[in-house]
Amino acid sequence: MLAAMSGDSKTSGGGHWKVLIWMFLGVLVGLWMQWKLDAPAYVGMRVQYADQEARVTHVDPGGPAAKAGVQQGDRLRAVIRGRGSEEEQIFMLRASGDLEKGVLETAGQGEVLWMVHSRAPDSALAPEFFDPKKDKALPVTVEMAPDATRARYIGPFAFAAELFISLLKMLIVPIVLSSIVAGVAGVGAMSDLSRLGGKTFAYYIGTSLLAITVGQILVNVVRPGDNAQLGLAYEPFAGDSSSAQYWEVVQRMVPSNVFTALSDNGSMLAIIFFALLLGLSITRSGEPHRTRMHEFFDSFNAVMMKMAAGVLWLLPYGVFALMVKVVAGTGFAPFKALLLYMFTVAAALIIHACLTLPLVLRFIGRLNPLGWFRAMQPALITAFSTSSSSMTLPVTMETVHARGRVSKKVGSFTLPLGATINMDGTALYECIGVIFLAQYYASVGGDPLTLAQQGMIVIMALLASIGAAGIPSAGLVMMLTILSALKLPLEGAALLLAVDRPLDMMRTVVNVWSDSCGAAVIARSEGEEGPAEPALDAL
């Protein structure tokens, strides 16, 4: 749906460096605010200690405690810091006033304090006697006091960041609808190339699914989002149904009213299902309706891409505002978690490029992976430097033909199509990014991902890697789409842009490497012997 999901666009990488410069400026401004402006910790509630117990006497409307579900009259038994981590601490609350003196003095903005409270009359005070049926730990994400000097300075930047996120949300439904319908209707026109087209699509879908699987396994093993301190509170969608099972997910895919679904970013599954059906129906319609509808959605998609390009022109300034907000509020704590996230994405990309695709070359294409890699070096170097598989396409085609000895009949069909719909690195990145954010939100009060939701992420990440959009950083839009389908807050996706540039370069190399491997495998399946011995001196 968006070939530029990863920033893998038809434009050069200059825009990415502009994003980095503004991100760095945002970090500097945020650090200055932390250094110069006071900002006491704030949980938005008052507690009274009497008769050896702590009771909540007031909850500020809209404050962190209210968002977490703490209610006036709750009896607090303990506060847990660093829940589930090696640094976990349990503060038992007694008449000494531990909540203010022992916990909040050591808590910073963005940290999560788990308030263990009970309405049972005779709860034991020792942590080993916590009763999960009677006692519930509510996660309160510590914020800075609303009347703090720093909060007043952050206000305009927070407003700008939220406005930018709203502009991105505005794009989700029209881009997803138009790109899927146009893409499916366009694919249907290739039915005459059934044999070569069937092999090409089978390879591209297969390798994308393998890439997503690698990413899914690694992110669930490393779990970079658990107990991360990103400074983002969990505020679920109204009517959240994140614990839905398979049959409920399938049921939500079929909209009872498509116009209602189109008005709700949270109904993304229904929108995708309708778009797929509409695209398939267009391919099966007679003339002149088929051509008219295909051209309409193709034009609609082109216009939406133009609008998205305009919104994403504001990306550096949106990232600047977001960095000021995050760093001024939480310091460098979010970047520690993002480093582990970066490691997970990079490791998955390396595994797919250096293990999965070479195995496909060896056992399906009957080719020497090392020899093919040496032949493809000019295209891979170009991909790394430009972060654009579309921009690299002329070099890729020349390299595959001259050094890889793939016929122009195969290369001219598979490579342009691959630059459009084959985005292994992008699909892998979308999967890891969404699961990373879901892990974080689960650690601050959200529900863990179910098996059905993990399967949904796989399908949507695959769809996210199909199609073309010549705009940089469109991956942010598609990640918002997947988060909307999971009914998770969307702000975390923009935060991932802070570390996206090096990952973008790696993703593009993997995308181009997979395209070239596909051309070789399909050429061999067509009986061509040339790719067996690449001509390394041809370029």
Protein backbone atom coordinates (compact mmCIF):
# COMPACT_ATOMS: atom_id res chain seq x y z
CA MET A 1 0.00 0.00 0.00
CA LEU A 2 2.80 2.35 0.70
CA ALA A 3 6.15 1.58 -0.77
CA ALA A 4 7.54 4.55 1.02
CA MET A 5 6.43 3.23 4.30
CA SER A 6 9.90 3.12 5.49
CA GLY A 7 10.79 6.39 3.97
CA ASP A 8 11.64 4.23 0.97
CA SER A 9 10.49 6.82 -1.48
CA LYS A 10 11.22 8.13 -4.93
CA THR A 11 12.91 11.14 -3.39
CA SER A 12 16.40 11.47 -2.03
CA GLY A 13 17.34 11.16 1.59
CA GLY A 14 17.78 14.92 2.14
CA GLY A 15 14.46 15.18 3.93
CA HIS A 16 15.63 12.63 6.46
CA TRP A 17 18.66 14.73 7.38
CA LYS A 18 16.40 17.73 7.84
CA VAL A 19 14.30 15.63 10.25
CA LEU A 20 17.46 14.68 12.16
CA ILE A 21 18.57 18.31 12.45
CA TRP A 22 15.20 19.44 13.81
CA MET A 23 15.05 16.42 16.10
CA PHE A 24 18.46 17.38 17.53
CA LEU A 25 17.28 20.96 18.05
CA GLY A 26 14.18 19.64 19.82
CA VAL A 27 16.35 17.57 22.15
CA LEU A 28 18.48 20.64 22.96
CA VAL A 29 15.44 22.79 23.72
CA GLY A 30 13.96 20.02 25.88
CA LEU A 31 17.22 19.66 27.82
CA TRP A 32 17.35 23.42 28.37
CA MET A 33 13.84 23.30 29.82
CA GLN A 34 14.83 20.45 32.13
CA TRP A 35 17.90 22.35 33.29
CA LYS A 36 16.28 25.76 33.78
CA LEU A 37 12.62 25.19 34.62
CA ASP A 38 11.13 23.58 37.71
CA ALA A 39 8.62 20.72 37.29
CA PRO A 40 7.55 18.72 40.40
CA ALA A 41 6.14 15.22 39.98
CA TYR A 42 2.35 15.02 39.85
CA VAL A 43 -0.05 12.08 40.11
CA GLY A 44 -3.27 14.07 40.40
CA MET A 45 -4.65 12.82 43.71
CA ARG A 46 -4.51 13.48 47.44
CA VAL A 47 -4.17 10.81 50.11
CA GLN A 48 -5.06 11.02 53.81
CA TYR A 49 -3.36 8.77 56.34
CA ALA A 50 -5.48 7.74 59.32
CA ASP A 51 -6.07 4.60 61.38
CA GLN A 52 -3.05 2.86 59.82
CA GLU A 53 -4.35 3.13 56.29
CA ALA A 54 -4.12 5.43 53.28
CA ARG A 55 -7.33 6.61 51.64
CA VAL A 56 -7.74 8.65 48.47
CA THR A 57 -9.56 11.83 49.43
CA HIS A 58 -9.42 13.66 46.07
CA VAL A 59 -8.73 12.83 42.43
CA ASP A 60 -8.03 15.69 40.01
CA PRO A 61 -10.32 15.44 36.96
CA GLY A 62 -8.27 14.60 33.88
CA GLY A 63 -5.12 13.99 35.92
CA PRO A 64 -2.88 10.89 35.75
CA ALA A 65 -4.69 9.12 38.61
CA ALA A 66 -8.10 9.78 37.06
CA LYS A 67 -6.92 8.43 33.70
CA ALA A 68 -5.73 5.26 35.45
CA GLY A 69 -9.09 4.70 37.17
CA VAL A 70 -8.21 5.67 40.75
CA GLN A 71 -11.37 6.77 42.55
CA GLN A 72 -12.06 8.90 45.57
CA GLY A 73 -12.41 6.65 48.62
CA ASP A 74 -10.04 3.94 47.37
CA ARG A 75 -7.81 2.48 50.07
CA LEU A 76 -4.23 2.21 48.88
CA ARG A 77 -2.14 -0.62 50.22
CA ALA A 78 1.12 -0.20 48.31
CA VAL A 79 2.86 1.53 45.44
CA ILE A 80 5.03 -0.50 43.06
CA ARG A 81 7.85 1.09 41.08
CA GLY A 82 9.49 -0.67 38.13
CA ARG A 83 6.90 -3.43 38.11
CA GLY A 84 8.17 -6.59 36.42
CA SER A 85 11.75 -5.32 36.12
CA GLU A 86 14.90 -6.12 38.08
CA GLU A 87 14.56 -2.74 39.85
CA GLU A 88 11.03 -3.44 41.14
CA GLN A 89 10.32 -1.81 44.51
CA ILE A 90 7.21 -2.21 46.67
CA PHE A 91 6.38 0.64 49.04
CA MET A 92 3.91 -0.41 51.72
CA LEU A 93 1.69 2.55 52.59
CA ARG A 94 1.09 3.21 56.24
CA ALA A 95 0.43 6.31 58.32
CA SER A 96 3.99 7.53 57.70
CA GLY A 97 2.98 9.14 54.41
CA ASP A 98 5.11 6.95 52.15
CA LEU A 99 3.21 8.04 49.04
CA GLU A 100 4.55 11.57 49.17
CA LYS A 101 7.85 11.12 50.98
CA GLY A 102 9.05 7.71 49.87
CA VAL A 103 7.81 7.40 46.30
CA LEU A 104 7.08 10.67 44.58
CA GLU A 105 10.39 12.21 45.58
CA THR A 106 12.16 9.52 43.56
CA ALA A 107 9.71 9.35 40.65
CA GLY A 108 10.21 11.31 37.45
CA GLN A 109 7.90 12.35 34.67
CA GLY A 110 7.08 9.43 32.43
CA GLU A 111 7.60 6.81 35.13
CA VAL A 112 4.73 4.46 35.93
CA LEU A 113 3.67 3.97 39.56
CA TRP A 114 1.35 1.02 40.15
CA MET A 115 -1.17 1.93 42.85
CA VAL A 116 -2.27 -1.25 44.65
CA HIS A 117 -5.61 -0.54 46.20
CA SER A 118 -8.37 -2.59 47.77
CA ARG A 119 -11.97 -2.11 48.77
CA ALA A 120 -11.89 -5.33 50.81
CA PRO A 121 -12.23 -4.56 54.57
CA ASP A 122 -9.44 -6.74 55.96
CA SER A 123 -6.65 -6.78 53.40
CA ALA A 124 -3.26 -7.85 54.66
CA LEU A 125 -0.49 -5.31 54.37
CA ALA A 126 2.31 -7.64 53.30
CA PRO A 127 2.86 -7.92 49.54
CA GLU A 128 2.88 -11.72 49.63
CA PHE A 129 -0.78 -11.58 50.73
CA PHE A 130 -2.00 -9.54 47.78
CA ASP A 131 -5.24 -11.04 46.53
CA PRO A 132 -5.63 -10.48 42.76
CA LYS A 133 -9.40 -11.00 43.09
CA LYS A 134 -9.76 -8.17 45.60
CA ASP A 135 -6.71 -6.03 44.94
CA LYS A 136 -5.93 -4.30 41.68
CA ALA A 137 -2.78 -2.44 40.69
CA LEU A 138 -3.68 0.64 38.64
CA PRO A 139 -0.87 2.18 36.56
CA VAL A 140 -0.45 5.93 37.02
CA THR A 141 1.95 7.57 34.55
CA VAL A 142 3.62 10.39 36.49
CA GLU A 143 3.27 13.79 34.88
CA MET A 144 4.57 17.21 35.82
CA ALA A 145 2.34 19.48 37.86
CA PRO A 146 0.01 21.46 35.56
CA ASP A 147 0.97 24.74 37.20
CA ALA A 148 4.73 24.07 36.90
CA THR A 149 6.75 26.63 34.96
CA ARG A 150 8.02 23.96 32.59
CA ALA A 151 4.49 22.75 31.86
CA ARG A 152 3.53 26.25 30.68
CA TYR A 153 6.55 26.37 28.38
CA ILE A 154 5.87 22.88 27.01
CA GLY A 155 2.20 23.70 26.28
CA PRO A 156 2.70 25.28 22.81
CA PHE A 157 5.02 22.46 21.71
CA ALA A 158 2.58 19.82 22.95
CA PHE A 159 -0.20 21.57 21.03
CA ALA A 160 1.90 21.61 17.83
CA ALA A 161 2.80 17.92 18.22
CA GLU A 162 -0.84 16.94 18.75
CA LEU A 163 -1.89 19.03 15.75
CA PHE A 164 0.66 17.22 13.56
CA ILE A 165 -0.58 13.83 14.79
CA SER A 166 -4.14 14.91 13.96
CA LEU A 167 -3.07 15.82 10.42
CA LEU A 168 -1.59 12.34 10.05
CA LYS A 169 -4.74 10.72 11.40
CA MET A 170 -6.71 12.67 8.80
CA LEU A 171 -4.83 10.85 6.02
CA ILE A 172 -5.33 7.28 7.24
CA VAL A 173 -8.76 6.34 5.88
CA PRO A 174 -8.56 7.97 2.41
CA ILE A 175 -5.01 6.70 1.77
CA VAL A 176 -5.80 3.14 2.84
CA LEU A 177 -9.05 3.00 0.84
CA SER A 178 -7.68 4.53 -2.37
CA SER A 179 -4.34 2.69 -2.37
CA ILE A 180 -5.84 -0.76 -1.77
CA VAL A 181 -8.63 -0.35 -4.34
CA ALA A 182 -6.24 1.07 -6.97
CA GLY A 183 -3.62 -1.57 -6.22
CA VAL A 184 -5.99 -4.55 -6.37
CA ALA A 185 -7.70 -3.24 -9.50
CA GLY A 186 -4.31 -2.73 -11.14
CA VAL A 187 -3.09 -6.20 -10.24
CA GLY A 188 -6.19 -7.69 -11.80
CA ALA A 189 -5.14 -6.23 -15.16
CA MET A 190 -2.04 -8.49 -15.11
CA SER A 191 -4.01 -11.70 -15.46
CA ASP A 192 -2.66 -12.24 -19.00
CA LEU A 193 0.81 -12.71 -17.52
CA SER A 194 -0.47 -15.57 -15.39
CA ARG A 195 2.61 -17.81 -15.28
CA LEU A 196 5.34 -15.22 -14.76
CA GLY A 197 3.04 -13.03 -12.70
CA GLY A 198 1.98 -15.94 -10.49
CA LYS A 199 5.60 -16.87 -9.74
CA THR A 200 6.49 -13.26 -9.02
CA PHE A 201 3.61 -12.68 -6.64
CA ALA A 202 4.21 -16.00 -4.89
CA TYR A 203 7.85 -15.07 -4.29
CA TYR A 204 7.11 -11.54 -3.09
CA ILE A 205 4.30 -12.53 -0.75
CA GLY A 206 6.30 -15.51 0.54
CA THR A 207 9.46 -13.54 1.34
CA SER A 208 7.45 -10.72 2.93
CA LEU A 209 5.70 -13.23 5.20
CA LEU A 210 9.08 -14.77 6.08
CA ALA A 211 10.41 -11.29 6.95
CA ILE A 212 7.39 -10.52 9.10
CA THR A 213 7.74 -13.87 10.88
CA VAL A 214 11.41 -13.18 11.66
CA GLY A 215 10.50 -9.77 13.07
CA GLN A 216 7.55 -11.12 15.05
CA ILE A 217 9.61 -13.90 16.66
CA LEU A 218 12.49 -11.58 17.55
CA VAL A 219 10.37 -8.79 19.05
CA ASN A 220 8.49 -11.35 21.17
CA VAL A 221 11.77 -12.86 22.39
CA VAL A 222 13.61 -9.59 23.12
CA ARG A 223 10.45 -7.71 24.25
CA PRO A 224 11.97 -4.22 23.97
CA GLY A 225 8.71 -2.50 24.96
CA ASP A 226 8.28 -4.16 28.36
CA ASN A 227 8.64 -1.58 31.17
CA ALA A 228 10.02 1.01 28.76
CA GLN A 229 9.77 4.61 29.91
CA LEU A 230 8.44 6.45 26.88
CA GLY A 231 6.44 8.97 28.88
CA LEU A 232 3.21 8.14 27.01
CA ALA A 233 0.08 7.37 29.01
CA TYR A 234 -2.27 4.60 27.91
CA GLU A 235 -5.62 6.11 26.96
CA PRO A 236 -7.66 3.42 25.18
CA PHE A 237 -10.18 4.08 22.44
CA ALA A 238 -13.79 4.32 23.55
CA GLY A 239 -15.27 0.85 23.56
CA ASP A 240 -11.86 -0.81 23.50
CA SER A 241 -12.04 -4.47 22.57
CA SER A 242 -8.37 -5.29 22.47
CA SER A 243 -8.86 -8.72 24.01
CA ALA A 244 -11.02 -9.92 21.10
CA GLN A 245 -10.60 -13.52 19.96
CA TYR A 246 -10.27 -14.78 16.39
CA TRP A 247 -13.97 -14.96 15.66
CA GLU A 248 -14.52 -11.45 17.01
CA VAL A 249 -11.71 -10.13 14.81
CA VAL A 250 -13.29 -11.76 11.76
CA GLN A 251 -16.69 -10.38 12.72
CA ARG A 252 -15.29 -6.84 12.96
CA MET A 253 -13.82 -7.20 9.46
CA VAL A 254 -17.28 -7.14 7.85
CA PRO A 255 -18.82 -3.66 8.24
CA SER A 256 -22.56 -3.45 8.73
CA ASN A 257 -22.40 0.13 7.44
CA VAL A 258 -19.38 1.00 5.32
CA PHE A 259 -19.93 4.75 5.69
CA THR A 260 -19.84 4.44 9.49
CA ALA A 261 -16.61 2.44 9.20
CA LEU A 262 -15.08 5.07 6.91
CA SER A 263 -15.72 7.72 9.57
CA ASP A 264 -13.74 5.84 12.25
CA ASN A 265 -9.97 5.26 12.27
CA GLY A 266 -10.57 2.43 14.72
CA SER A 267 -12.53 0.45 12.08
CA MET A 268 -9.48 -0.13 9.92
CA LEU A 269 -10.07 -3.86 9.44
CA ALA A 270 -13.54 -3.19 8.05
CA ILE A 271 -12.17 -0.50 5.71
CA ILE A 272 -9.45 -2.82 4.40
CA PHE A 273 -11.96 -5.65 3.87
CA PHE A 274 -14.32 -3.35 1.94
CA ALA A 275 -11.45 -1.94 -0.14
CA LEU A 276 -10.25 -5.44 -1.08
CA LEU A 277 -13.77 -6.48 -2.11
CA LEU A 278 -14.27 -3.29 -4.09
CA GLY A 279 -10.95 -3.70 -5.89
CA LEU A 280 -11.72 -7.33 -6.78
CA SER A 281 -15.21 -6.36 -7.96
CA ILE A 282 -13.72 -3.71 -10.25
CA THR A 283 -11.46 -6.30 -11.90
CA ARG A 284 -14.48 -8.52 -12.60
CA SER A 285 -16.68 -5.75 -13.99
CA GLY A 286 -17.17 -5.19 -17.69
CA GLU A 287 -16.16 -2.18 -19.72
CA PRO A 288 -16.41 0.77 -19.54
CA HIS A 289 -17.04 0.52 -15.78
CA ARG A 290 -13.83 -1.33 -14.95
CA THR A 291 -11.57 1.24 -16.58
CA ARG A 292 -13.56 4.20 -15.23
CA MET A 293 -13.51 2.94 -11.62
CA HIS A 294 -9.84 1.95 -11.80
CA GLU A 295 -8.86 5.34 -13.18
CA PHE A 296 -11.01 7.11 -10.57
CA PHE A 297 -9.37 5.39 -7.59
CA ASP A 298 -5.95 5.65 -9.22
CA SER A 299 -6.45 9.41 -9.57
CA PHE A 300 -7.92 9.65 -6.06
CA ASN A 301 -4.86 7.83 -4.71
CA ALA A 302 -2.52 10.17 -6.60
CA VAL A 303 -4.28 13.21 -5.13
CA MET A 304 -4.10 11.74 -1.62
CA MET A 305 -0.38 11.08 -2.07
CA LYS A 306 0.02 14.74 -3.01
CA MET A 307 -1.87 15.76 0.12
CA ALA A 308 0.21 13.38 2.24
CA ALA A 309 3.39 14.84 0.75
CA GLY A 310 2.19 18.27 1.85
CA VAL A 311 1.46 17.10 5.39
CA LEU A 312 4.77 15.23 5.61
CA TRP A 313 6.56 18.40 4.52
CA LEU A 314 5.78 19.48 8.09
CA LEU A 315 7.43 16.33 9.47
CA PRO A 316 10.69 17.99 10.67
CA TYR A 317 8.72 20.58 12.63
CA GLY A 318 6.33 17.98 14.04
CA VAL A 319 9.29 15.91 15.20
CA PHE A 320 10.86 19.05 16.72
CA ALA A 321 7.72 19.76 18.76
CA LEU A 322 7.42 16.13 19.80
CA MET A 323 11.07 15.96 20.92
CA VAL A 324 10.71 19.14 22.98
CA LYS A 325 7.62 17.70 24.66
CA VAL A 326 9.18 14.29 25.37
CA VAL A 327 12.68 15.37 26.44
CA ALA A 328 11.44 18.29 28.56
CA GLY A 329 9.04 15.93 30.32
CA THR A 330 11.02 12.70 30.68
CA GLY A 331 14.66 13.36 29.82
CA PHE A 332 16.60 10.61 28.04
CA ALA A 333 14.66 7.67 29.51
CA PRO A 334 12.69 7.06 26.27
CA PHE A 335 15.88 6.79 24.23
CA LYS A 336 17.15 3.87 26.31
CA ALA A 337 14.12 1.85 25.28
CA LEU A 338 14.44 3.06 21.68
CA LEU A 339 18.02 1.76 21.52
CA LEU A 340 16.78 -1.75 22.35
CA TYR A 341 14.04 -1.31 19.75
CA MET A 342 16.67 -0.28 17.17
CA PHE A 343 18.75 -3.34 18.02
CA THR A 344 15.71 -5.60 17.55
CA VAL A 345 14.84 -4.14 14.13
CA ALA A 346 18.48 -4.19 12.95
CA ALA A 347 18.98 -7.78 14.13
CA ALA A 348 15.81 -8.95 12.36
CA LEU A 349 16.84 -7.20 9.13
CA ILE A 350 20.28 -8.81 9.27
CA ILE A 351 18.79 -12.27 9.92
CA HIS A 352 16.40 -11.93 6.99
CA ALA A 353 19.05 -10.55 4.61
CA CYS A 354 21.89 -12.87 5.62
CA LEU A 355 20.00 -16.08 6.40
CA THR A 356 16.42 -16.23 5.07
CA LEU A 357 17.00 -14.81 1.57
CA PRO A 358 20.30 -16.71 1.00
CA LEU A 359 18.49 -19.95 1.90
CA VAL A 360 15.81 -19.09 -0.68
CA LEU A 361 18.53 -18.42 -3.26
CA ARG A 362 20.34 -21.68 -2.49
CA PHE A 363 17.44 -24.13 -2.25
CA ILE A 364 14.82 -22.60 -4.55
CA GLY A 365 16.97 -20.68 -7.04
CA ARG A 366 19.93 -23.12 -6.90
CA LEU A 367 22.31 -20.16 -6.78
CA ASN A 368 25.42 -19.31 -4.78
CA PRO A 369 24.20 -16.58 -2.34
CA LEU A 370 27.68 -15.11 -1.82
CA GLY A 371 28.31 -14.85 -5.54
CA TRP A 372 24.94 -13.18 -6.10
CA PHE A 373 25.61 -10.73 -3.26
CA ARG A 374 28.93 -9.74 -4.82
CA ALA A 375 27.19 -9.21 -8.16
CA MET A 376 24.51 -6.99 -6.61
CA GLN A 377 26.88 -4.69 -4.67
CA PRO A 378 26.37 -1.57 -6.88
CA ALA A 379 22.59 -1.69 -6.37
CA LEU A 380 22.90 -2.36 -2.62
CA ILE A 381 25.33 0.51 -2.11
CA THR A 382 23.03 2.86 -4.03
CA ALA A 383 20.05 1.69 -1.94
CA PHE A 384 21.94 2.33 1.31
CA SER A 385 22.99 5.83 0.30
CA THR A 386 19.64 6.99 -1.14
CA SER A 387 17.19 5.15 1.18
CA SER A 388 14.98 4.73 -1.88
CA SER A 389 14.31 1.49 -3.73
CA SER A 390 12.42 3.41 -6.43
CA MET A 391 15.35 5.75 -6.96
CA THR A 392 17.68 2.73 -7.01
CA LEU A 393 15.56 0.88 -9.59
CA PRO A 394 17.59 1.90 -12.71
CA VAL A 395 20.81 0.75 -11.01
CA THR A 396 19.12 -2.45 -9.81
CA MET A 397 17.89 -3.31 -13.30
CA GLU A 398 21.26 -2.64 -14.92
CA THR A 399 23.08 -4.63 -12.23
CA VAL A 400 20.71 -7.60 -12.47
CA HIS A 401 20.94 -7.66 -16.29
CA ALA A 402 24.67 -6.98 -16.72
CA ARG A 403 26.24 -8.56 -13.65
CA GLY A 404 23.52 -11.08 -12.79
CA ARG A 405 22.83 -12.19 -16.38
CA VAL A 406 19.07 -12.20 -15.87
CA SER A 407 17.16 -11.74 -19.13
CA LYS A 408 15.42 -8.43 -19.75
CA LYS A 409 12.16 -10.32 -20.18
CA VAL A 410 12.26 -11.45 -16.52
CA GLY A 411 14.07 -8.46 -15.02
CA SER A 412 11.93 -5.82 -16.71
CA PHE A 413 8.81 -7.43 -15.28
CA THR A 414 9.90 -8.52 -11.79
CA LEU A 415 12.07 -5.58 -10.71
CA PRO A 416 9.65 -2.65 -11.31
CA LEU A 417 6.90 -4.75 -9.74
CA GLY A 418 9.21 -5.57 -6.82
CA ALA A 419 10.02 -1.89 -6.26
CA THR A 420 6.26 -1.41 -6.00
CA ILE A 421 4.96 -4.31 -3.93
CA ASN A 422 7.96 -6.18 -2.48
CA MET A 423 9.06 -4.48 0.72
CA ASP A 424 10.45 -7.18 3.02
CA GLY A 425 12.32 -4.71 5.23
CA THR A 426 9.29 -2.44 5.48
CA ALA A 427 6.94 -5.30 6.41
CA LEU A 428 9.37 -6.47 9.09
CA TYR A 429 9.76 -2.95 10.47
CA GLU A 430 6.00 -2.34 10.65
CA CYS A 431 5.51 -5.59 12.58
CA ILE A 432 8.27 -4.89 15.12
CA GLY A 433 7.32 -1.23 15.58
CA VAL A 434 3.66 -1.98 16.30
CA ILE A 435 4.39 -4.89 18.66
CA PHE A 436 7.03 -2.78 20.46
CA LEU A 437 4.47 -0.06 21.12
CA ALA A 438 1.83 -2.63 22.09
CA GLN A 439 4.27 -4.13 24.62
CA TYR A 440 4.88 -0.68 26.07
CA TYR A 441 1.18 0.14 26.35
CA ALA A 442 0.55 -3.26 27.98
CA SER A 443 3.17 -2.42 30.62
CA VAL A 444 1.38 0.85 31.50
CA GLY A 445 -2.15 -0.45 31.82
CA GLY A 446 -3.18 -1.76 28.40
CA ASP A 447 -4.06 -5.34 27.53
CA PRO A 448 -1.35 -7.69 26.20
CA LEU A 449 -1.64 -8.64 22.55
CA THR A 450 -3.70 -11.76 21.94
CA LEU A 451 -2.76 -14.42 19.40
CA ALA A 452 -5.55 -13.12 17.15
CA GLN A 453 -4.10 -9.60 17.27
CA GLN A 454 -0.61 -10.88 16.48
CA GLY A 455 -2.09 -12.59 13.42
CA MET A 456 -3.84 -9.33 12.50
CA ILE A 457 -0.52 -7.49 12.68
CA VAL A 458 1.07 -10.02 10.30
CA ILE A 459 -1.70 -9.57 7.73
CA MET A 460 -1.73 -5.78 7.99
CA ALA A 461 2.08 -5.53 7.85
CA LEU A 462 1.94 -7.58 4.64
CA LEU A 463 -0.70 -5.26 3.19
CA ALA A 464 1.38 -2.29 4.34
CA SER A 465 4.29 -3.48 2.19
CA ILE A 466 2.24 -3.71 -1.03
CA GLY A 467 1.79 -0.76 -3.34
CA ALA A 468 3.59 2.46 -4.10
CA ALA A 469 3.59 5.97 -2.70
CA GLY A 470 6.34 8.33 -3.75
CA ILE A 471 6.47 10.23 -0.48
CA PRO A 472 9.11 10.08 2.26
CA SER A 473 8.28 8.72 5.72
CA ALA A 474 4.89 7.37 4.67
CA GLY A 475 5.64 4.40 6.94
CA LEU A 476 4.47 6.59 9.80
CA VAL A 477 1.02 6.82 8.19
CA MET A 478 0.79 3.05 7.75
CA MET A 479 1.94 2.36 11.31
CA LEU A 480 -0.85 4.64 12.51
CA THR A 481 -3.23 2.51 10.44
CA ILE A 482 -2.18 -0.70 12.20
CA LEU A 483 -2.28 0.92 15.64
CA SER A 484 -5.78 2.21 14.87
CA ALA A 485 -6.91 -1.30 13.95
CA LEU A 486 -5.57 -2.53 17.32
CA LYS A 487 -7.26 0.42 19.08
CA LEU A 488 -3.97 1.60 20.57
CA PRO A 489 -2.88 5.24 21.09
CA LEU A 490 -1.11 6.65 18.05
CA GLU A 491 1.41 9.09 19.52
CA GLY A 492 4.12 6.44 20.00
CA ALA A 493 4.53 5.96 16.23
CA ALA A 494 5.80 9.52 15.82
CA LEU A 495 8.32 8.96 18.62
CA LEU A 496 9.90 6.11 16.64
CA LEU A 497 10.91 8.63 13.96
CA ALA A 498 13.62 9.86 16.34
CA VAL A 499 15.71 6.77 15.56
CA ASP A 500 14.41 5.96 12.10
CA ARG A 501 17.13 7.24 9.76
CA PRO A 502 19.72 4.42 10.15
CA LEU A 503 16.97 1.79 10.20
CA ASP A 504 15.51 3.30 7.02
CA MET A 505 18.82 2.87 5.21
CA MET A 506 19.03 -0.77 6.31
CA ARG A 507 15.40 -1.46 5.34
CA THR A 508 15.97 -0.13 1.83
CA VAL A 509 19.00 -2.39 1.33
CA VAL A 510 16.90 -5.40 2.40
CA ASN A 511 14.09 -4.34 0.04
CA VAL A 512 16.43 -4.07 -2.96
CA TRP A 513 18.31 -7.26 -2.01
CA SER A 514 15.01 -9.16 -1.93
CA ASP A 515 13.99 -7.71 -5.32
CA SER A 516 17.24 -8.87 -6.92
CA CYS A 517 16.97 -12.31 -5.32
CA GLY A 518 13.45 -12.57 -6.70
CA ALA A 519 14.62 -11.77 -10.23
CA ALA A 520 17.30 -14.48 -9.97
CA VAL A 521 14.97 -17.12 -8.52
CA ILE A 522 12.26 -16.49 -11.13
CA ALA A 523 14.82 -16.43 -13.96
CA ARG A 524 16.10 -19.84 -12.85
CA SER A 525 12.53 -21.15 -12.64
CA GLU A 526 12.07 -20.04 -16.27
CA GLY A 527 15.05 -22.17 -17.31
CA GLU A 528 17.65 -19.39 -17.55
CA GLU A 529 21.20 -20.52 -16.77
CA GLY A 530 22.85 -17.08 -16.78
CA PRO A 531 22.28 -16.21 -13.12
CA ALA A 532 24.27 -19.30 -12.05
CA GLU A 533 27.56 -17.50 -12.75
CA PRO A 534 27.19 -13.70 -12.37
CA ALA A 535 29.53 -11.64 -14.54
CA LEU A 536 31.23 -9.55 -11.85
CA ASP A 537 33.29 -7.54 -14.31
CA ALA A 538 30.31 -6.42 -16.37
CA LEU A 539 29.98 -3.13 -14.51
